[in-house]
């Protein structure tokens, strides 16, 4: 994980996070009423990258599938929470399947 959770969010406020590489996202710690389309797009990109990175590492390290509950289920009508879980689960399953097939091939 390349980001740190500074402050948890809630139903109306995004979690405050800091990315070790990219810095603090524009949406970090913001109230839901302040979200415009560019902020939503930045949030989508963050979720796509970070949920996938965490899921991939969990899968290849043999950890159980356990999505990080970063976003409140009610924040922005729930789409960040649902999108995080979908990206995480899809990436985890694909990485696990690929990793397992490589291991089986190496054994044979």
Protein backbone atom coordinates (compact mmCIF):
# COMPACT_ATOMS: atom_id res chain seq x y z
CA UNK A 1 0.00 0.00 0.00
CA UNK A 2 1.53 3.30 -1.05
CA UNK A 3 -0.91 5.49 0.81
CA UNK A 4 -1.55 6.32 4.44
CA UNK A 5 -4.96 6.88 5.97
CA UNK A 6 -4.67 10.11 7.95
CA UNK A 7 -8.32 10.32 9.02
CA UNK A 8 -11.21 7.92 8.41
CA UNK A 9 -14.13 9.25 6.44
CA UNK A 10 -17.85 8.96 7.10
CA UNK A 11 -21.13 9.14 5.19
CA UNK A 12 -20.45 12.75 4.14
CA UNK A 13 -16.67 13.15 4.19
CA UNK A 14 -14.03 11.30 2.18
CA UNK A 15 -11.23 9.66 4.12
CA UNK A 16 -8.14 11.80 4.35
CA UNK A 17 -5.29 9.95 2.67
CA UNK A 18 -1.76 10.68 1.55
CA UNK A 19 -0.09 8.77 -1.27
CA UNK A 20 3.66 8.26 -0.85
CA UNK A 21 4.22 8.77 -4.57
CA UNK A 22 1.47 11.15 -5.71
CA UNK A 23 0.91 13.21 -2.57
CA UNK A 24 -2.52 14.09 -1.20
CA UNK A 25 -5.38 13.57 -3.67
CA UNK A 26 -7.64 16.55 -4.42
CA UNK A 27 -10.65 14.73 -2.93
CA UNK A 28 -8.93 13.69 0.31
CA UNK A 29 -10.94 14.77 3.36
CA UNK A 30 -13.52 16.61 1.25
CA UNK A 31 -17.21 16.91 2.02
CA UNK A 32 -19.48 15.07 -0.42
CA UNK A 33 -21.25 18.29 -1.48
CA UNK A 34 -17.91 19.62 -2.78
CA UNK A 35 -17.36 16.73 -5.19
CA UNK A 36 -17.40 17.77 -8.84
CA UNK A 37 -16.71 15.57 -11.88
CA UNK A 38 -12.90 16.08 -11.87
CA UNK A 39 -12.78 15.04 -8.20
CA UNK A 40 -14.95 12.00 -8.89
CA UNK A 41 -12.65 11.02 -11.76
CA UNK A 42 -9.58 11.44 -9.54
CA UNK A 43 -11.29 9.25 -6.93
CA UNK A 44 -12.08 6.59 -9.57
CA UNK A 45 -8.43 6.53 -10.66
CA UNK A 46 -7.22 6.29 -7.07
CA UNK A 47 -9.58 3.40 -6.37
CA UNK A 48 -8.66 1.63 -9.61
CA UNK A 49 -4.96 1.81 -8.81
CA UNK A 50 -4.89 1.31 -5.07
CA UNK A 51 -7.57 -1.39 -4.73
CA UNK A 52 -5.87 -3.33 -7.52
CA UNK A 53 -2.40 -2.96 -5.97
CA UNK A 54 -3.55 -4.11 -2.56
CA UNK A 55 -5.55 -7.02 -4.00
CA UNK A 56 -2.63 -8.17 -6.15
CA UNK A 57 -0.24 -8.17 -3.20
CA UNK A 58 -2.79 -9.95 -0.99
CA UNK A 59 -3.28 -12.66 -3.63
CA UNK A 60 0.36 -13.38 -4.44
CA UNK A 61 1.34 -13.29 -0.75
CA UNK A 62 -1.27 -15.93 0.02
CA UNK A 63 -3.43 -13.71 2.21
CA UNK A 64 -7.19 -14.11 2.44
CA UNK A 65 -9.35 -11.85 0.31
CA UNK A 66 -10.23 -8.96 2.60
CA UNK A 67 -11.03 -5.62 0.94
CA UNK A 68 -9.98 -2.57 2.93
CA UNK A 69 -13.11 -0.73 4.14
CA UNK A 70 -11.74 2.65 3.10
CA UNK A 71 -15.02 4.33 2.15
CA UNK A 72 -18.20 4.56 4.20
CA UNK A 73 -20.98 2.55 2.54
CA UNK A 74 -23.12 5.72 2.29
CA UNK A 75 -20.45 8.13 1.03
CA UNK A 76 -21.43 9.49 -2.42
CA UNK A 77 -24.39 7.08 -2.53
CA UNK A 78 -22.05 4.16 -1.94
CA UNK A 79 -20.33 4.00 -5.32
CA UNK A 80 -16.74 4.45 -3.99
CA UNK A 81 -17.27 1.58 -1.51
CA UNK A 82 -18.82 -0.67 -4.16
CA UNK A 83 -16.23 0.24 -6.79
CA UNK A 84 -13.35 -0.41 -4.35
CA UNK A 85 -14.75 -3.85 -3.50
CA UNK A 86 -15.37 -4.72 -7.18
CA UNK A 87 -11.85 -3.73 -8.28
CA UNK A 88 -10.30 -5.49 -5.29
CA UNK A 89 -12.24 -8.73 -5.74
CA UNK A 90 -11.71 -8.87 -9.50
CA UNK A 91 -7.97 -8.21 -9.22
CA UNK A 92 -7.56 -10.61 -6.29
CA UNK A 93 -9.31 -13.45 -8.12
CA UNK A 94 -7.39 -12.87 -11.36
CA UNK A 95 -4.03 -12.62 -9.58
CA UNK A 96 -4.72 -15.69 -7.45
CA UNK A 97 -5.75 -17.70 -10.50
CA UNK A 98 -2.65 -16.60 -12.44
CA UNK A 99 -0.35 -17.21 -9.46
CA UNK A 100 -1.87 -20.64 -8.78
CA UNK A 101 -1.52 -21.70 -12.42
CA UNK A 102 2.15 -20.61 -12.48
CA UNK A 103 2.80 -22.61 -9.32
CA UNK A 104 1.12 -25.70 -10.77
CA UNK A 105 3.08 -25.36 -14.03
CA UNK A 106 6.36 -25.10 -12.11
CA UNK A 107 5.56 -28.22 -10.08
CA UNK A 108 4.79 -30.28 -13.17
